[in-house]
Amino acid sequence: MKLVITERQAKLLLDKKIKCKCGHSWEKEPEDNDPYLCHICGWDSKQNKYFDDKLIEFWNTYKNE
């Protein structure tokens, strides 16, 4: 059986990016301590909750590098 899918459907199926409910997406990086944490809004896609403290820690570390 053949299936015909749209380009958008193919992207959703084949894209390896982590997607946040805020619309931001990123690729998982092995050295990241919190690979599922959105660095835009603080939502953790794996634990399904916000982590404001981890988001603040990330940005404080990022701006000091």
PDB file of N, CA and C in Angstrom:
ATOM      1  N   MET A   1       0.844  -1.173   0.000  1.00  0.00           N
ATOM      2  CA  MET A   1       0.000   0.000   0.000  1.00  0.00           C
ATOM      3  C   MET A   1       0.890   1.239   0.000  1.00  0.00           C
ATOM      4  N   LYS A   2       0.557   2.223  -0.790  1.00  0.00           N
ATOM      5  CA  LYS A   2       1.267   3.486  -0.861  1.00  0.00           C
ATOM      6  C   LYS A   2       0.502   4.541  -0.083  1.00  0.00           C
ATOM      7  N   LEU A   3       1.274   5.367   0.610  1.00  0.00           N
ATOM      8  CA  LEU A   3       0.669   6.507   1.299  1.00  0.00           C
ATOM      9  C   LEU A   3       1.240   7.782   0.700  1.00  0.00           C
ATOM     10  N   VAL A   4       0.395   8.744   0.555  1.00  0.00           N
ATOM     11  CA  VAL A   4       0.826  10.047   0.061  1.00  0.00           C
ATOM     12  C   VAL A   4       0.634  11.026   1.223  1.00  0.00           C
ATOM     13  N   ILE A   5       1.744  11.685   1.583  1.00  0.00           N
ATOM     14  CA  ILE A   5       1.662  12.650   2.669  1.00  0.00           C
ATOM     15  C   ILE A   5       2.184  13.998   2.188  1.00  0.00           C
ATOM     16  N   THR A   6       1.763  15.024   2.872  1.00  0.00           N
ATOM     17  CA  THR A   6       2.205  16.364   2.506  1.00  0.00           C
ATOM     18  C   THR A   6       3.620  16.607   3.041  1.00  0.00           C
ATOM     19  N   GLU A   7       4.236  17.654   2.551  1.00  0.00           N
ATOM     20  CA  GLU A   7       5.578  18.017   3.012  1.00  0.00           C
ATOM     21  C   GLU A   7       5.555  18.334   4.514  1.00  0.00           C
ATOM     22  N   ARG A   8       4.515  18.996   4.959  1.00  0.00           N
ATOM     23  CA  ARG A   8       4.373  19.326   6.389  1.00  0.00           C
ATOM     24  C   ARG A   8       4.262  18.061   7.225  1.00  0.00           C
ATOM     25  N   GLN A   9       3.485  17.104   6.785  1.00  0.00           N
ATOM     26  CA  GLN A   9       3.346  15.840   7.510  1.00  0.00           C
ATOM     27  C   GLN A   9       4.674  15.089   7.559  1.00  0.00           C
ATOM     28  N   ALA A  10       5.409  15.094   6.468  1.00  0.00           N
ATOM     29  CA  ALA A  10       6.710  14.429   6.432  1.00  0.00           C
ATOM     30  C   ALA A  10       7.676  15.075   7.412  1.00  0.00           C
ATOM     31  N   LYS A  11       7.657  16.393   7.467  1.00  0.00           N
ATOM     32  CA  LYS A  11       8.536  17.107   8.396  1.00  0.00           C
ATOM     33  C   LYS A  11       8.207  16.741   9.836  1.00  0.00           C
ATOM     34  N   LEU A  12       6.939  16.664  10.169  1.00  0.00           N
ATOM     35  CA  LEU A  12       6.533  16.287  11.526  1.00  0.00           C
ATOM     36  C   LEU A  12       6.982  14.869  11.879  1.00  0.00           C
ATOM     37  N   LEU A  13       6.919  13.976  10.910  1.00  0.00           N
ATOM     38  CA  LEU A  13       7.305  12.589  11.143  1.00  0.00           C
ATOM     39  C   LEU A  13       8.816  12.392  11.212  1.00  0.00           C
ATOM     40  N   LEU A  14       9.553  13.121  10.402  1.00  0.00           N
ATOM     41  CA  LEU A  14      10.986  12.886  10.262  1.00  0.00           C
ATOM     42  C   LEU A  14      11.862  13.851  11.044  1.00  0.00           C
ATOM     43  N   ASP A  15      11.291  14.943  11.492  1.00  0.00           N
ATOM     44  CA  ASP A  15      12.063  15.958  12.202  1.00  0.00           C
ATOM     45  C   ASP A  15      12.433  15.452  13.594  1.00  0.00           C
ATOM     46  N   LYS A  16      13.701  15.539  13.924  1.00  0.00           N
ATOM     47  CA  LYS A  16      14.204  15.046  15.214  1.00  0.00           C
ATOM     48  C   LYS A  16      14.263  16.144  16.273  1.00  0.00           C
ATOM     49  N   LYS A  17      13.715  17.300  15.983  1.00  0.00           N
ATOM     50  CA  LYS A  17      13.785  18.413  16.910  1.00  0.00           C
ATOM     51  C   LYS A  17      12.809  18.235  18.076  1.00  0.00           C
ATOM     52  N   ILE A  18      13.199  18.792  19.211  1.00  0.00           N
ATOM     53  CA  ILE A  18      12.318  18.840  20.379  1.00  0.00           C
ATOM     54  C   ILE A  18      11.460  20.086  20.197  1.00  0.00           C
ATOM     55  N   LYS A  19      10.176  19.948  20.400  1.00  0.00           N
ATOM     56  CA  LYS A  19       9.259  21.058  20.198  1.00  0.00           C
ATOM     57  C   LYS A  19       8.617  21.457  21.521  1.00  0.00           C
ATOM     58  N   CYS A  20       8.586  22.749  21.775  1.00  0.00           N
ATOM     59  CA  CYS A  20       7.961  23.287  22.980  1.00  0.00           C
ATOM     60  C   CYS A  20       6.555  23.761  22.659  1.00  0.00           C
ATOM     61  N   LYS A  21       5.729  23.835  23.686  1.00  0.00           N
ATOM     62  CA  LYS A  21       4.368  24.309  23.453  1.00  0.00           C
ATOM     63  C   LYS A  21       4.313  25.803  23.145  1.00  0.00           C
ATOM     64  N   CYS A  22       5.442  26.535  23.369  1.00  0.00           N
ATOM     65  CA  CYS A  22       5.484  27.966  23.022  1.00  0.00           C
ATOM     66  C   CYS A  22       5.805  28.169  21.542  1.00  0.00           C
ATOM     67  N   GLY A  23       6.143  27.074  20.840  1.00  0.00           N
ATOM     68  CA  GLY A  23       6.444  27.159  19.420  1.00  0.00           C
ATOM     69  C   GLY A  23       7.927  27.063  19.093  1.00  0.00           C
ATOM     70  N   HIS A  24       8.781  27.217  20.096  1.00  0.00           N
ATOM     71  CA  HIS A  24      10.230  27.125  19.895  1.00  0.00           C
ATOM     72  C   HIS A  24      10.616  25.656  19.703  1.00  0.00           C
ATOM     73  N   SER A  25      11.616  25.393  18.880  1.00  0.00           N
ATOM     74  CA  SER A  25      12.104  24.024  18.694  1.00  0.00           C
ATOM     75  C   SER A  25      13.623  24.038  18.616  1.00  0.00           C
ATOM     76  N   TRP A  26      14.242  22.912  18.963  1.00  0.00           N
ATOM     77  CA  TRP A  26      15.700  22.809  18.984  1.00  0.00           C
ATOM     78  C   TRP A  26      16.111  21.352  18.877  1.00  0.00           C
ATOM     79  N   GLU A  27      17.378  21.157  18.533  1.00  0.00           N
ATOM     80  CA  GLU A  27      17.922  19.803  18.485  1.00  0.00           C
ATOM     81  C   GLU A  27      18.541  19.469  19.829  1.00  0.00           C
ATOM     82  N   LYS A  28      18.389  18.234  20.250  1.00  0.00           N
ATOM     83  CA  LYS A  28      18.933  17.780  21.526  1.00  0.00           C
ATOM     84  C   LYS A  28      20.458  17.761  21.440  1.00  0.00           C
ATOM     85  N   GLU A  29      21.097  18.373  22.431  1.00  0.00           N
ATOM     86  CA  GLU A  29      22.551  18.394  22.485  1.00  0.00           C
ATOM     87  C   GLU A  29      23.015  17.484  23.623  1.00  0.00           C
ATOM     88  N   PRO A  30      23.934  16.556  23.339  1.00  0.00           N
ATOM     89  CA  PRO A  30      24.351  15.568  24.342  1.00  0.00           C
ATOM     90  C   PRO A  30      24.954  16.181  25.606  1.00  0.00           C
ATOM     91  N   GLU A  31      25.633  17.328  25.492  1.00  0.00           N
ATOM     92  CA  GLU A  31      26.270  17.915  26.663  1.00  0.00           C
ATOM     93  C   GLU A  31      25.329  18.784  27.503  1.00  0.00           C
ATOM     94  N   ASP A  32      24.107  18.960  27.059  1.00  0.00           N
ATOM     95  CA  ASP A  32      23.129  19.779  27.773  1.00  0.00           C
ATOM     96  C   ASP A  32      22.588  19.016  28.974  1.00  0.00           C
ATOM     97  N   ASN A  33      22.645  19.630  30.160  1.00  0.00           N
ATOM     98  CA  ASN A  33      22.129  18.997  31.378  1.00  0.00           C
ATOM     99  C   ASN A  33      20.605  18.900  31.375  1.00  0.00           C
ATOM    100  N   ASP A  34      19.950  19.807  30.685  1.00  0.00           N
ATOM    101  CA  ASP A  34      18.486  19.820  30.590  1.00  0.00           C
ATOM    102  C   ASP A  34      18.071  19.914  29.125  1.00  0.00           C
ATOM    103  N   PRO A  35      18.243  18.826  28.361  1.00  0.00           N
ATOM    104  CA  PRO A  35      17.994  18.906  26.913  1.00  0.00           C
ATOM    105  C   PRO A  35      16.541  19.157  26.525  1.00  0.00           C
ATOM    106  N   TYR A  36      15.599  18.912  27.424  1.00  0.00           N
ATOM    107  CA  TYR A  36      14.184  19.104  27.102  1.00  0.00           C
ATOM    108  C   TYR A  36      13.644  20.435  27.617  1.00  0.00           C
ATOM    109  N   LEU A  37      14.503  21.237  28.275  1.00  0.00           N
ATOM    110  CA  LEU A  37      14.103  22.528  28.809  1.00  0.00           C
ATOM    111  C   LEU A  37      14.154  23.591  27.717  1.00  0.00           C
ATOM    112  N   CYS A  38      13.039  24.268  27.500  1.00  0.00           N
ATOM    113  CA  CYS A  38      12.986  25.357  26.519  1.00  0.00           C
ATOM    114  C   CYS A  38      13.686  26.565  27.126  1.00  0.00           C
ATOM    115  N   HIS A  39      14.693  27.071  26.423  1.00  0.00           N
ATOM    116  CA  HIS A  39      15.446  28.214  26.924  1.00  0.00           C
ATOM    117  C   HIS A  39      14.756  29.540  26.607  1.00  0.00           C
ATOM    118  N   ILE A  40      13.565  29.467  26.079  1.00  0.00           N
ATOM    119  CA  ILE A  40      12.772  30.664  25.828  1.00  0.00           C
ATOM    120  C   ILE A  40      11.732  30.864  26.938  1.00  0.00           C
ATOM    121  N   CYS A  41      11.001  29.789  27.291  1.00  0.00           N
ATOM    122  CA  CYS A  41       9.915  29.953  28.264  1.00  0.00           C
ATOM    123  C   CYS A  41      10.075  29.120  29.540  1.00  0.00           C
ATOM    124  N   GLY A  42      10.998  28.152  29.568  1.00  0.00           N
ATOM    125  CA  GLY A  42      11.211  27.361  30.777  1.00  0.00           C
ATOM    126  C   GLY A  42      10.393  26.083  30.865  1.00  0.00           C
ATOM    127  N   TRP A  43       9.674  25.729  29.813  1.00  0.00           N
ATOM    128  CA  TRP A  43       8.857  24.512  29.799  1.00  0.00           C
ATOM    129  C   TRP A  43       9.754  23.298  29.533  1.00  0.00           C
ATOM    130  N   ASP A  44       9.605  22.254  30.338  1.00  0.00           N
ATOM    131  CA  ASP A  44      10.336  21.011  30.124  1.00  0.00           C
ATOM    132  C   ASP A  44       9.403  20.046  29.413  1.00  0.00           C
ATOM    133  N   SER A  45       9.740  19.718  28.170  1.00  0.00           N
ATOM    134  CA  SER A  45       8.870  18.876  27.333  1.00  0.00           C
ATOM    135  C   SER A  45       8.800  17.440  27.807  1.00  0.00           C
ATOM    136  N   LYS A  46       9.768  16.991  28.581  1.00  0.00           N
ATOM    137  CA  LYS A  46       9.748  15.618  29.073  1.00  0.00           C
ATOM    138  C   LYS A  46       8.951  15.508  30.374  1.00  0.00           C
ATOM    139  N   GLN A  47       9.102  16.504  31.259  1.00  0.00           N
ATOM    140  CA  GLN A  47       8.415  16.465  32.549  1.00  0.00           C
ATOM    141  C   GLN A  47       7.073  17.192  32.532  1.00  0.00           C
ATOM    142  N   ASN A  48       6.784  17.879  31.433  1.00  0.00           N
ATOM    143  CA  ASN A  48       5.517  18.594  31.246  1.00  0.00           C
ATOM    144  C   ASN A  48       5.210  19.583  32.362  1.00  0.00           C
ATOM    145  N   LYS A  49       6.216  20.422  32.678  1.00  0.00           N
ATOM    146  CA  LYS A  49       5.999  21.503  33.628  1.00  0.00           C
ATOM    147  C   LYS A  49       7.065  22.566  33.441  1.00  0.00           C
ATOM    148  N   TYR A  50       6.790  23.746  34.007  1.00  0.00           N
ATOM    149  CA  TYR A  50       7.712  24.864  33.909  1.00  0.00           C
ATOM    150  C   TYR A  50       8.777  24.785  34.996  1.00  0.00           C
ATOM    151  N   PHE A  51      10.000  25.215  34.632  1.00  0.00           N
ATOM    152  CA  PHE A  51      11.106  25.306  35.573  1.00  0.00           C
ATOM    153  C   PHE A  51      11.729  26.693  35.439  1.00  0.00           C
ATOM    154  N   ASP A  52      11.141  27.655  36.124  1.00  0.00           N
ATOM    155  CA  ASP A  52      11.651  29.022  36.071  1.00  0.00           C
ATOM    156  C   ASP A  52      13.072  29.106  36.615  1.00  0.00           C
ATOM    157  N   ASP A  53      13.352  28.349  37.681  1.00  0.00           N
ATOM    158  CA  ASP A  53      14.675  28.401  38.300  1.00  0.00           C
ATOM    159  C   ASP A  53      15.766  27.898  37.346  1.00  0.00           C
ATOM    160  N   LYS A  54      15.479  26.834  36.610  1.00  0.00           N
ATOM    161  CA  LYS A  54      16.446  26.301  35.648  1.00  0.00           C
ATOM    162  C   LYS A  54      16.637  27.263  34.476  1.00  0.00           C
ATOM    163  N   LEU A  55      15.571  27.928  34.069  1.00  0.00           N
ATOM    164  CA  LEU A  55      15.658  28.901  32.981  1.00  0.00           C
ATOM    165  C   LEU A  55      16.535  30.079  33.394  1.00  0.00           C
ATOM    166  N   ILE A  56      16.323  30.583  34.605  1.00  0.00           N
ATOM    167  CA  ILE A  56      17.131  31.699  35.114  1.00  0.00           C
ATOM    168  C   ILE A  56      18.586  31.277  35.241  1.00  0.00           C
ATOM    169  N   GLU A  57      18.824  30.072  35.745  1.00  0.00           N
ATOM    170  CA  GLU A  57      20.193  29.558  35.868  1.00  0.00           C
ATOM    171  C   GLU A  57      20.873  29.465  34.497  1.00  0.00           C
ATOM    172  N   PHE A  58      20.148  28.976  33.498  1.00  0.00           N
ATOM    173  CA  PHE A  58      20.702  28.880  32.154  1.00  0.00           C
ATOM    174  C   PHE A  58      21.121  30.249  31.637  1.00  0.00           C
ATOM    175  N   TRP A  59      20.230  31.239  31.730  1.00  0.00           N
ATOM    176  CA  TRP A  59      20.530  32.563  31.174  1.00  0.00           C
ATOM    177  C   TRP A  59      21.641  33.257  31.966  1.00  0.00           C
ATOM    178  N   ASN A  60      21.708  33.045  33.274  1.00  0.00           N
ATOM    179  CA  ASN A  60      22.801  33.617  34.057  1.00  0.00           C
ATOM    180  C   ASN A  60      24.136  33.013  33.649  1.00  0.00           C
ATOM    181  N   THR A  61      24.167  31.725  33.410  1.00  0.00           N
ATOM    182  CA  THR A  61      25.386  31.048  32.966  1.00  0.00           C
ATOM    183  C   THR A  61      25.741  31.467  31.550  1.00  0.00           C
ATOM    184  N   TYR A  62      24.748  31.532  30.683  1.00  0.00           N
ATOM    185  CA  TYR A  62      24.974  31.876  29.265  1.00  0.00           C
ATOM    186  C   TYR A  62      25.561  33.276  29.107  1.00  0.00           C
ATOM    187  N   LYS A  63      25.014  34.234  29.848  1.00  0.00           N
ATOM    188  CA  LYS A  63      25.495  35.621  29.677  1.00  0.00           C
ATOM    189  C   LYS A  63      26.876  35.828  30.297  1.00  0.00           C
ATOM    190  N   ASN A  64      27.311  34.937  31.191  1.00  0.00           N
ATOM    191  CA  ASN A  64      28.629  35.053  31.812  1.00  0.00           C
ATOM    192  C   ASN A  64      29.721  34.304  31.044  1.00  0.00           C
ATOM    193  N   GLU A  65      29.365  33.622  29.976  1.00  0.00           N
ATOM    194  CA  GLU A  65      30.367  32.895  29.181  1.00  0.00           C
ATOM    195  C   GLU A  65      31.047  33.801  28.192  1.00  0.00           C
TER     196      GLU A  65
END
